[in-house]
Amino acid sequence: MSSSAGGGRGGLSLDQTAKTSGDRVVTSFPCSPPAPKCQMPRLESRCWSCSCASSVEAKHSSSEATWLAAKAEEMMSIITSVLSQAYGSLHDVRTANLIRRGLVLFTVGVFLALVLNLLQIQRHVTLFPEEVLATLFSSAWWIPPCCGTGAAVVGLLYPCLDSHLGEPHKFKREWASVMRCIAVFVGINHASVKLDFDNNVQLSLTLAALSLGLWWTFDRSRSGFGLGITTAFLATVFTQLLVYNGVYQYTSPDFLYVRSWLPCIFFSGGVTVGNIGRQLAMGGVEKQHMD
């Protein structure tokens, strides 16, 4: 029965034995191979490869990047607005400072023109028509505005030229030195009508030495010397044209239609007004730094 069952079914071996222990029967199959063990997958490996976790992490990263981009854009807009406001306020301050300096220089030029022109008229160095001498301050109406405008232009050009050449003027930068420079300039102009020489050439050489001494004492800059020479040349040409057209005239002209010492007066005047403009510009810069 066993052999037929073994031969027919082919499932049980002839050496099969049955052991009975109480009411429990244990059957052993010595020829059958052991069954493989089934291992459960680890939770950690399944969690890392889960598509849900990857999508959540990607959404979190994208939201964080969007938040950072929004904050960066907000900060850039704030910085841009602050810089634009600062530039606008600085531009307004510089414009107001430039206008204020120009008005001060214009006033100084008008005052010096009235005083010095009156001195030359009294000493009969310049001659105007009789109807002009009956006006206010015995001077032509166009002389103070022209001198004031010239003083404003020259006084504003001096600090601009210093900054453009990269040579900030630091020699005797105080108002006491500026006032002494003005006094020396008035003295040179007074000497031009008070000193008596045998000829105008000697007077011109003396005034030229005094004008160079004024530049050396209160300026000593190449920009100041160059701008003073330019001022003297342009002002002398303008005066020659006025005298040529009969607006007024000089007594005893020896340099075409004017006196030969007139360029020296214009040179020293340009240096003086330039020092005033530099001092005003330095005060404006210090005020901006304090603000």
C-alpha atoms as a PDB file:
ATOM      1  CA  MET A   1       0.000   0.000   0.000  1.00  0.00           C
ATOM      2  CA  SER A   2       2.851   2.293   0.842  1.00  0.00           C
ATOM      3  CA  SER A   3       4.835   1.337  -2.180  1.00  0.00           C
ATOM      4  CA  SER A   4       1.905   1.744  -4.514  1.00  0.00           C
ATOM      5  CA  ALA A   5       1.046   5.059  -3.027  1.00  0.00           C
ATOM      6  CA  GLY A   6       4.682   6.138  -3.305  1.00  0.00           C
ATOM      7  CA  GLY A   7       4.959   4.972  -6.868  1.00  0.00           C
ATOM      8  CA  GLY A   8       1.614   6.356  -7.961  1.00  0.00           C
ATOM      9  CA  ARG A   9       1.637   9.722  -6.233  1.00  0.00           C
ATOM     10  CA  GLY A  10       5.351  10.344  -6.091  1.00  0.00           C
ATOM     11  CA  GLY A  11       4.824  12.610  -3.146  1.00  0.00           C
ATOM     12  CA  LEU A  12       5.994  10.549  -0.122  1.00  0.00           C
ATOM     13  CA  SER A  13       9.266   8.725   0.463  1.00  0.00           C
ATOM     14  CA  LEU A  14       9.602   5.017   1.492  1.00  0.00           C
ATOM     15  CA  ASP A  15      11.676   6.092   4.457  1.00  0.00           C
ATOM     16  CA  GLN A  16       8.886   8.189   5.875  1.00  0.00           C
ATOM     17  CA  THR A  17       8.308   7.552   9.560  1.00  0.00           C
ATOM     18  CA  ALA A  18       5.571   8.714  11.779  1.00  0.00           C
ATOM     19  CA  LYS A  19       6.199   9.490  15.346  1.00  0.00           C
ATOM     20  CA  THR A  20       3.356   9.756  17.701  1.00  0.00           C
ATOM     21  CA  SER A  21       3.676  11.731  20.892  1.00  0.00           C
ATOM     22  CA  GLY A  22       0.467  11.645  22.839  1.00  0.00           C
ATOM     23  CA  ASP A  23      -2.263  12.999  20.593  1.00  0.00           C
ATOM     24  CA  ARG A  24       0.229  15.006  18.420  1.00  0.00           C
ATOM     25  CA  VAL A  25       1.672  13.454  15.305  1.00  0.00           C
ATOM     26  CA  VAL A  26       4.956  14.852  13.932  1.00  0.00           C
ATOM     27  CA  THR A  27       5.823  13.931  10.400  1.00  0.00           C
ATOM     28  CA  SER A  28       9.322  14.419   9.111  1.00  0.00           C
ATOM     29  CA  PHE A  29      10.517  14.430   5.548  1.00  0.00           C
ATOM     30  CA  PRO A  30      14.246  13.987   5.600  1.00  0.00           C
ATOM     31  CA  CYS A  31      14.627  14.192   1.823  1.00  0.00           C
ATOM     32  CA  SER A  32      12.634  17.454   1.333  1.00  0.00           C
ATOM     33  CA  PRO A  33      14.670  20.739   1.156  1.00  0.00           C
ATOM     34  CA  PRO A  34      14.008  23.457   3.783  1.00  0.00           C
ATOM     35  CA  ALA A  35      11.453  26.090   2.799  1.00  0.00           C
ATOM     36  CA  PRO A  36      12.920  29.584   2.156  1.00  0.00           C
ATOM     37  CA  LYS A  37      12.263  32.284   4.764  1.00  0.00           C
ATOM     38  CA  CYS A  38      10.136  35.254   3.688  1.00  0.00           C
ATOM     39  CA  GLN A  39      11.647  38.580   4.905  1.00  0.00           C
ATOM     40  CA  MET A  40       9.468  41.664   5.403  1.00  0.00           C
ATOM     41  CA  PRO A  41      10.724  44.870   3.740  1.00  0.00           C
ATOM     42  CA  ARG A  42      12.269  47.481   6.036  1.00  0.00           C
ATOM     43  CA  LEU A  43      10.139  50.535   6.794  1.00  0.00           C
ATOM     44  CA  GLU A  44      12.995  52.934   6.373  1.00  0.00           C
ATOM     45  CA  SER A  45      13.741  51.891   2.804  1.00  0.00           C
ATOM     46  CA  ARG A  46      10.064  52.033   1.841  1.00  0.00           C
ATOM     47  CA  CYS A  47       9.621  55.505   3.357  1.00  0.00           C
ATOM     48  CA  TRP A  48      12.585  57.053   1.490  1.00  0.00           C
ATOM     49  CA  SER A  49      11.347  55.757  -1.820  1.00  0.00           C
ATOM     50  CA  CYS A  50       7.753  56.884  -1.287  1.00  0.00           C
ATOM     51  CA  SER A  51       6.446  59.240  -3.989  1.00  0.00           C
ATOM     52  CA  CYS A  52       4.237  61.100  -1.492  1.00  0.00           C
ATOM     53  CA  ALA A  53       7.261  62.137   0.616  1.00  0.00           C
ATOM     54  CA  SER A  54       9.135  63.326  -2.495  1.00  0.00           C
ATOM     55  CA  SER A  55       6.214  65.470  -3.655  1.00  0.00           C
ATOM     56  CA  VAL A  56       5.798  67.024  -0.182  1.00  0.00           C
ATOM     57  CA  GLU A  57       9.510  67.838  -0.041  1.00  0.00           C
ATOM     58  CA  ALA A  58       9.453  69.364  -3.537  1.00  0.00           C
ATOM     59  CA  LYS A  59       6.434  71.520  -2.636  1.00  0.00           C
ATOM     60  CA  HIS A  60       8.155  72.680   0.543  1.00  0.00           C
ATOM     61  CA  SER A  61      11.355  73.584  -1.339  1.00  0.00           C
ATOM     62  CA  SER A  62       9.453  75.481  -4.046  1.00  0.00           C
ATOM     63  CA  SER A  63       7.426  77.419  -1.482  1.00  0.00           C
ATOM     64  CA  GLU A  64      10.600  78.326   0.428  1.00  0.00           C
ATOM     65  CA  ALA A  65      12.311  79.488  -2.777  1.00  0.00           C
ATOM     66  CA  THR A  66       9.252  81.588  -3.680  1.00  0.00           C
ATOM     67  CA  TRP A  67       9.248  83.193  -0.231  1.00  0.00           C
ATOM     68  CA  LEU A  68      12.965  84.017  -0.477  1.00  0.00           C
ATOM     69  CA  ALA A  69      12.513  85.519  -3.944  1.00  0.00           C
ATOM     70  CA  ALA A  70       9.614  87.663  -2.725  1.00  0.00           C
ATOM     71  CA  LYS A  71      11.623  88.887   0.267  1.00  0.00           C
ATOM     72  CA  ALA A  72      14.645  89.667  -1.935  1.00  0.00           C
ATOM     73  CA  GLU A  73      12.457  91.604  -4.370  1.00  0.00           C
ATOM     74  CA  GLU A  74      10.903  93.537  -1.487  1.00  0.00           C
ATOM     75  CA  MET A  75      14.312  94.416  -0.064  1.00  0.00           C
ATOM     76  CA  MET A  76      15.573  95.540  -3.478  1.00  0.00           C
ATOM     77  CA  SER A  77      12.532  97.771  -3.943  1.00  0.00           C
ATOM     78  CA  ILE A  78      13.081  99.320  -0.503  1.00  0.00           C
ATOM     79  CA  ILE A  79      16.775  99.918  -1.198  1.00  0.00           C
ATOM     80  CA  THR A  80      15.998 101.434  -4.607  1.00  0.00           C
ATOM     81  CA  SER A  81      13.395 103.793  -3.167  1.00  0.00           C
ATOM     82  CA  VAL A  82      15.732 104.865  -0.349  1.00  0.00           C
ATOM     83  CA  LEU A  83      18.588 105.508  -2.787  1.00  0.00           C
ATOM     84  CA  SER A  84      16.353 107.467  -5.144  1.00  0.00           C
ATOM     85  CA  GLN A  85      15.067 109.605  -2.282  1.00  0.00           C
ATOM     86  CA  ALA A  86      18.606 110.180  -1.017  1.00  0.00           C
ATOM     87  CA  TYR A  87      19.804 111.136  -4.490  1.00  0.00           C
ATOM     88  CA  GLY A  88      16.872 113.491  -4.957  1.00  0.00           C
ATOM     89  CA  SER A  89      17.448 115.168  -1.604  1.00  0.00           C
ATOM     90  CA  LEU A  90      21.190 115.395  -2.273  1.00  0.00           C
ATOM     91  CA  HIS A  91      20.512 116.883  -5.710  1.00  0.00           C
ATOM     92  CA  ASP A  92      18.140 119.425  -4.157  1.00  0.00           C
ATOM     93  CA  VAL A  93      20.708 120.322  -1.488  1.00  0.00           C
ATOM     94  CA  ARG A  94      23.460 120.763  -4.078  1.00  0.00           C
ATOM     95  CA  THR A  95      21.225 122.895  -6.289  1.00  0.00           C
ATOM     96  CA  ALA A  96      20.182 125.088  -3.382  1.00  0.00           C
ATOM     97  CA  ASN A  97      23.797 125.391  -2.267  1.00  0.00           C
ATOM     98  CA  LEU A  98      24.897 126.334  -5.794  1.00  0.00           C
ATOM     99  CA  ILE A  99      22.214 129.019  -6.055  1.00  0.00           C
ATOM    100  CA  ARG A 100      23.106 130.400  -2.627  1.00  0.00           C
ATOM    101  CA  ARG A 101      26.808 130.578  -3.491  1.00  0.00           C
ATOM    102  CA  GLY A 102      26.018 132.240  -6.810  1.00  0.00           C
ATOM    103  CA  LEU A 103      23.907 134.908  -5.112  1.00  0.00           C
ATOM    104  CA  VAL A 104      26.636 135.636  -2.571  1.00  0.00           C
ATOM    105  CA  LEU A 105      29.272 135.924  -5.305  1.00  0.00           C
ATOM    106  CA  PHE A 106      26.972 138.134  -7.389  1.00  0.00           C
ATOM    107  CA  THR A 107      26.470 140.463  -4.421  1.00  0.00           C
ATOM    108  CA  VAL A 108      30.227 140.627  -3.768  1.00  0.00           C
ATOM    109  CA  GLY A 109      30.904 141.398  -7.434  1.00  0.00           C
ATOM    110  CA  VAL A 110      28.293 144.187  -7.480  1.00  0.00           C
ATOM    111  CA  PHE A 111      29.705 145.763  -4.312  1.00  0.00           C
ATOM    112  CA  LEU A 112      33.314 145.661  -5.526  1.00  0.00           C
ATOM    113  CA  ALA A 113      32.313 147.046  -8.922  1.00  0.00           C
ATOM    114  CA  LEU A 114      30.506 149.998  -7.370  1.00  0.00           C
ATOM    115  CA  VAL A 115      33.346 150.863  -4.997  1.00  0.00           C
ATOM    116  CA  LEU A 116      36.263 150.383  -7.402  1.00  0.00           C
ATOM    117  CA  ASN A 117      34.562 151.974 -10.385  1.00  0.00           C
ATOM    118  CA  LEU A 118      33.673 154.983  -8.262  1.00  0.00           C
ATOM    119  CA  LEU A 119      37.321 155.280  -7.269  1.00  0.00           C
ATOM    120  CA  GLN A 120      38.448 155.262 -10.914  1.00  0.00           C
ATOM    121  CA  ILE A 121      35.826 157.832 -11.877  1.00  0.00           C
ATOM    122  CA  GLN A 122      36.892 160.163  -9.084  1.00  0.00           C
ATOM    123  CA  ARG A 123      40.529 159.933 -10.192  1.00  0.00           C
ATOM    124  CA  HIS A 124      39.466 160.538 -13.814  1.00  0.00           C
ATOM    125  CA  VAL A 125      40.824 157.241 -15.008  1.00  0.00           C
ATOM    126  CA  THR A 126      37.578 156.338 -16.774  1.00  0.00           C
ATOM    127  CA  LEU A 127      35.212 158.791 -18.438  1.00  0.00           C
ATOM    128  CA  PHE A 128      31.453 158.272 -18.768  1.00  0.00           C
ATOM    129  CA  PRO A 129      28.810 160.508 -20.318  1.00  0.00           C
ATOM    130  CA  GLU A 130      27.486 163.259 -18.061  1.00  0.00           C
ATOM    131  CA  GLU A 131      24.012 161.696 -17.748  1.00  0.00           C
ATOM    132  CA  VAL A 132      25.635 158.551 -16.364  1.00  0.00           C
ATOM    133  CA  LEU A 133      27.499 160.444 -13.636  1.00  0.00           C
ATOM    134  CA  ALA A 134      24.192 161.820 -12.331  1.00  0.00           C
ATOM    135  CA  THR A 135      22.848 158.332 -11.593  1.00  0.00           C
ATOM    136  CA  LEU A 136      23.101 156.304  -8.386  1.00  0.00           C
ATOM    137  CA  PHE A 137      26.698 155.819  -7.192  1.00  0.00           C
ATOM    138  CA  SER A 138      27.910 157.779 -10.267  1.00  0.00           C
ATOM    139  CA  SER A 139      28.237 154.555 -12.270  1.00  0.00           C
ATOM    140  CA  ALA A 140      26.665 153.107 -15.399  1.00  0.00           C
ATOM    141  CA  TRP A 141      23.715 150.855 -14.648  1.00  0.00           C
ATOM    142  CA  TRP A 142      25.158 147.897 -16.567  1.00  0.00           C
ATOM    143  CA  ILE A 143      28.512 147.782 -14.753  1.00  0.00           C
ATOM    144  CA  PRO A 144      27.295 146.243 -11.433  1.00  0.00           C
ATOM    145  CA  PRO A 145      25.223 143.471 -13.086  1.00  0.00           C
ATOM    146  CA  CYS A 146      28.053 142.602 -15.481  1.00  0.00           C
ATOM    147  CA  CYS A 147      30.658 142.507 -12.713  1.00  0.00           C
ATOM    148  CA  GLY A 148      28.315 140.552 -10.434  1.00  0.00           C
ATOM    149  CA  THR A 149      27.632 137.961 -13.124  1.00  0.00           C
ATOM    150  CA  GLY A 150      31.330 137.648 -13.899  1.00  0.00           C
ATOM    151  CA  ALA A 151      32.143 137.222 -10.210  1.00  0.00           C
ATOM    152  CA  ALA A 152      29.489 134.491  -9.846  1.00  0.00           C
ATOM    153  CA  VAL A 153      30.766 132.594 -12.896  1.00  0.00           C
ATOM    154  CA  VAL A 154      34.430 132.806 -11.886  1.00  0.00           C
ATOM    155  CA  GLY A 155      33.729 132.021  -8.236  1.00  0.00           C
ATOM    156  CA  LEU A 156      31.726 128.914  -9.151  1.00  0.00           C
ATOM    157  CA  LEU A 157      34.290 127.748 -11.710  1.00  0.00           C
ATOM    158  CA  TYR A 158      37.215 127.732  -9.288  1.00  0.00           C
ATOM    159  CA  PRO A 159      36.039 124.831  -7.041  1.00  0.00           C
ATOM    160  CA  CYS A 160      34.676 122.946 -10.071  1.00  0.00           C
ATOM    161  CA  LEU A 161      38.043 123.196 -11.788  1.00  0.00           C
ATOM    162  CA  ASP A 162      39.813 122.085  -8.605  1.00  0.00           C
ATOM    163  CA  SER A 163      37.657 118.953  -8.349  1.00  0.00           C
ATOM    164  CA  HIS A 164      37.977 118.233 -12.085  1.00  0.00           C
ATOM    165  CA  LEU A 165      41.764 118.405 -11.968  1.00  0.00           C
ATOM    166  CA  GLY A 166      41.870 116.394  -8.743  1.00  0.00           C
ATOM    167  CA  GLU A 167      43.767 119.145  -6.929  1.00  0.00           C
ATOM    168  CA  PRO A 168      41.678 120.281  -3.954  1.00  0.00           C
ATOM    169  CA  HIS A 169      42.814 123.686  -2.771  1.00  0.00           C
ATOM    170  CA  LYS A 170      44.028 123.423   0.830  1.00  0.00           C
ATOM    171  CA  PHE A 171      46.280 126.483   1.100  1.00  0.00           C
ATOM    172  CA  LYS A 172      45.016 128.986   3.676  1.00  0.00           C
ATOM    173  CA  ARG A 173      41.416 127.840   3.696  1.00  0.00           C
ATOM    174  CA  GLU A 174      39.893 130.210   6.217  1.00  0.00           C
ATOM    175  CA  TRP A 175      37.784 133.342   6.026  1.00  0.00           C
ATOM    176  CA  ALA A 176      40.501 135.513   7.599  1.00  0.00           C
ATOM    177  CA  SER A 177      42.772 134.750   4.650  1.00  0.00           C
ATOM    178  CA  VAL A 178      39.934 135.527   2.218  1.00  0.00           C
ATOM    179  CA  MET A 179      39.320 138.899   3.859  1.00  0.00           C
ATOM    180  CA  ARG A 180      43.031 139.747   3.652  1.00  0.00           C
ATOM    181  CA  CYS A 181      42.972 138.786  -0.028  1.00  0.00           C
ATOM    182  CA  ILE A 182      40.037 141.157  -0.630  1.00  0.00           C
ATOM    183  CA  ALA A 183      41.908 143.938   1.180  1.00  0.00           C
ATOM    184  CA  VAL A 184      45.018 143.389  -0.960  1.00  0.00           C
ATOM    185  CA  PHE A 185      42.915 143.425  -4.137  1.00  0.00           C
ATOM    186  CA  VAL A 186      41.306 146.733  -3.152  1.00  0.00           C
ATOM    187  CA  GLY A 187      44.794 148.070  -2.357  1.00  0.00           C
ATOM    188  CA  ILE A 188      46.068 147.064  -5.809  1.00  0.00           C
ATOM    189  CA  ASN A 189      43.119 148.783  -7.469  1.00  0.00           C
ATOM    190  CA  HIS A 190      43.670 151.848  -5.317  1.00  0.00           C
ATOM    191  CA  ALA A 191      47.379 151.879  -6.245  1.00  0.00           C
ATOM    192  CA  SER A 192      46.482 151.850  -9.932  1.00  0.00           C
ATOM    193  CA  VAL A 193      44.923 155.309  -9.595  1.00  0.00           C
ATOM    194  CA  LYS A 194      47.054 156.734  -6.787  1.00  0.00           C
ATOM    195  CA  LEU A 195      50.637 155.876  -7.748  1.00  0.00           C
ATOM    196  CA  ASP A 196      52.430 158.295 -10.050  1.00  0.00           C
ATOM    197  CA  PHE A 197      55.056 156.952 -12.409  1.00  0.00           C
ATOM    198  CA  ASP A 198      56.851 158.458 -15.362  1.00  0.00           C
ATOM    199  CA  ASN A 199      54.954 156.199 -17.729  1.00  0.00           C
ATOM    200  CA  ASN A 200      52.243 153.557 -17.631  1.00  0.00           C
ATOM    201  CA  VAL A 201      54.685 150.735 -18.350  1.00  0.00           C
ATOM    202  CA  GLN A 202      56.357 151.112 -14.952  1.00  0.00           C
ATOM    203  CA  LEU A 203      52.962 151.221 -13.269  1.00  0.00           C
ATOM    204  CA  SER A 204      51.860 148.131 -15.199  1.00  0.00           C
ATOM    205  CA  LEU A 205      54.968 146.187 -14.183  1.00  0.00           C
ATOM    206  CA  THR A 206      54.466 147.181 -10.534  1.00  0.00           C
ATOM    207  CA  LEU A 207      50.827 146.114 -10.564  1.00  0.00           C
ATOM    208  CA  ALA A 208      51.749 142.863 -12.329  1.00  0.00           C
ATOM    209  CA  ALA A 209      54.238 142.069  -9.560  1.00  0.00           C
ATOM    210  CA  LEU A 210      51.628 142.889  -6.912  1.00  0.00           C
ATOM    211  CA  SER A 211      49.045 140.689  -8.641  1.00  0.00           C
ATOM    212  CA  LEU A 212      51.451 137.752  -8.822  1.00  0.00           C
ATOM    213  CA  GLY A 213      52.299 138.340  -5.167  1.00  0.00           C
ATOM    214  CA  LEU A 214      48.592 138.173  -4.314  1.00  0.00           C
ATOM    215  CA  TRP A 215      48.257 134.856  -6.172  1.00  0.00           C
ATOM    216  CA  TRP A 216      51.390 133.443  -4.505  1.00  0.00           C
ATOM    217  CA  THR A 217      50.294 134.563  -1.045  1.00  0.00           C
ATOM    218  CA  PHE A 218      46.672 133.427  -1.109  1.00  0.00           C
ATOM    219  CA  ASP A 219      46.390 130.777  -3.842  1.00  0.00           C
ATOM    220  CA  ARG A 220      49.505 129.032  -5.256  1.00  0.00           C
ATOM    221  CA  SER A 221      47.459 126.642  -7.408  1.00  0.00           C
ATOM    222  CA  ARG A 222      47.862 125.982 -11.119  1.00  0.00           C
ATOM    223  CA  SER A 223      44.118 126.066 -11.629  1.00  0.00           C
ATOM    224  CA  GLY A 224      43.910 129.453  -9.928  1.00  0.00           C
ATOM    225  CA  PHE A 225      46.726 130.868 -12.031  1.00  0.00           C
ATOM    226  CA  GLY A 226      45.294 129.525 -15.286  1.00  0.00           C
ATOM    227  CA  LEU A 227      41.766 130.697 -14.545  1.00  0.00           C
ATOM    228  CA  GLY A 228      43.099 134.100 -13.463  1.00  0.00           C
ATOM    229  CA  ILE A 229      44.946 134.489 -16.773  1.00  0.00           C
ATOM    230  CA  THR A 230      41.822 133.439 -18.676  1.00  0.00           C
ATOM    231  CA  THR A 231      39.671 135.891 -16.707  1.00  0.00           C
ATOM    232  CA  ALA A 232      42.109 138.729 -17.356  1.00  0.00           C
ATOM    233  CA  PHE A 233      42.238 137.996 -21.092  1.00  0.00           C
ATOM    234  CA  LEU A 234      38.467 137.710 -21.612  1.00  0.00           C
ATOM    235  CA  ALA A 235      37.659 140.740 -19.443  1.00  0.00           C
ATOM    236  CA  THR A 236      40.267 142.855 -21.237  1.00  0.00           C
ATOM    237  CA  VAL A 237      38.872 141.888 -24.653  1.00  0.00           C
ATOM    238  CA  PHE A 238      35.336 142.692 -23.482  1.00  0.00           C
ATOM    239  CA  THR A 239      36.461 146.079 -22.182  1.00  0.00           C
ATOM    240  CA  GLN A 240      38.276 146.823 -25.444  1.00  0.00           C
ATOM    241  CA  LEU A 241      35.038 146.179 -27.330  1.00  0.00           C
ATOM    242  CA  LEU A 242      33.046 148.456 -25.025  1.00  0.00           C
ATOM    243  CA  VAL A 243      35.523 151.303 -25.400  1.00  0.00           C
ATOM    244  CA  TYR A 244      35.729 150.750 -29.151  1.00  0.00           C
ATOM    245  CA  ASN A 245      31.945 151.088 -29.429  1.00  0.00           C
ATOM    246  CA  GLY A 246      32.027 154.359 -27.467  1.00  0.00           C
ATOM    247  CA  VAL A 247      30.278 153.144 -24.319  1.00  0.00           C
ATOM    248  CA  TYR A 248      32.984 154.814 -22.201  1.00  0.00           C
ATOM    249  CA  GLN A 249      36.680 155.578 -22.506  1.00  0.00           C
ATOM    250  CA  TYR A 250      39.972 155.646 -20.626  1.00  0.00           C
ATOM    251  CA  THR A 251      42.232 158.634 -20.247  1.00  0.00           C
ATOM    252  CA  SER A 252      45.748 158.187 -21.637  1.00  0.00           C
ATOM    253  CA  PRO A 253      45.231 154.704 -23.126  1.00  0.00           C
ATOM    254  CA  ASP A 254      48.477 152.895 -23.936  1.00  0.00           C
ATOM    255  CA  PHE A 255      47.235 149.354 -24.626  1.00  0.00           C
ATOM    256  CA  LEU A 256      44.987 149.789 -27.627  1.00  0.00           C
ATOM    257  CA  TYR A 257      41.911 151.503 -26.107  1.00  0.00           C
ATOM    258  CA  VAL A 258      42.592 150.836 -22.401  1.00  0.00           C
ATOM    259  CA  ARG A 259      45.334 151.177 -19.830  1.00  0.00           C
ATOM    260  CA  SER A 260      48.105 148.564 -19.869  1.00  0.00           C
ATOM    261  CA  TRP A 261      47.629 147.744 -16.179  1.00  0.00           C
ATOM    262  CA  LEU A 262      43.967 146.742 -16.615  1.00  0.00           C
ATOM    263  CA  PRO A 263      44.725 142.991 -17.141  1.00  0.00           C
ATOM    264  CA  CYS A 264      46.574 142.993 -13.805  1.00  0.00           C
ATOM    265  CA  ILE A 265      43.433 144.299 -12.076  1.00  0.00           C
ATOM    266  CA  PHE A 266      41.310 141.630 -13.728  1.00  0.00           C
ATOM    267  CA  PHE A 267      43.826 138.902 -12.814  1.00  0.00           C
ATOM    268  CA  SER A 268      43.947 139.854  -9.133  1.00  0.00           C
ATOM    269  CA  GLY A 269      40.152 140.249  -9.101  1.00  0.00           C
ATOM    270  CA  GLY A 270      39.715 136.762 -10.548  1.00  0.00           C
ATOM    271  CA  VAL A 271      42.011 135.250  -7.905  1.00  0.00           C
ATOM    272  CA  THR A 272      40.155 137.104  -5.138  1.00  0.00           C
ATOM    273  CA  VAL A 273      36.695 136.045  -6.295  1.00  0.00           C
ATOM    274  CA  GLY A 274      37.990 132.503  -6.808  1.00  0.00           C
ATOM    275  CA  ASN A 275      39.152 132.313  -3.200  1.00  0.00           C
ATOM    276  CA  ILE A 276      35.727 133.501  -2.052  1.00  0.00           C
ATOM    277  CA  GLY A 277      34.058 130.835  -4.196  1.00  0.00           C
ATOM    278  CA  ARG A 278      36.356 128.131  -2.840  1.00  0.00           C
ATOM    279  CA  GLN A 279      35.646 129.125   0.734  1.00  0.00           C
ATOM    280  CA  LEU A 280      31.899 129.118   0.103  1.00  0.00           C
ATOM    281  CA  ALA A 281      32.147 125.698  -1.552  1.00  0.00           C
ATOM    282  CA  MET A 282      34.129 124.291   1.365  1.00  0.00           C
ATOM    283  CA  GLY A 283      31.520 125.591   3.807  1.00  0.00           C
ATOM    284  CA  GLY A 284      28.741 123.971   1.747  1.00  0.00           C
ATOM    285  CA  VAL A 285      30.544 120.595   1.703  1.00  0.00           C
ATOM    286  CA  GLU A 286      31.094 120.692   5.470  1.00  0.00           C
ATOM    287  CA  LYS A 287      27.424 121.516   6.011  1.00  0.00           C
ATOM    288  CA  GLN A 288      26.349 118.534   3.858  1.00  0.00           C
ATOM    289  CA  HIS A 289      28.623 116.235   5.856  1.00  0.00           C
ATOM    290  CA  MET A 290      27.168 117.563   9.116  1.00  0.00           C
ATOM    291  CA  ASP A 291      23.634 116.990   7.809  1.00  0.00           C
END
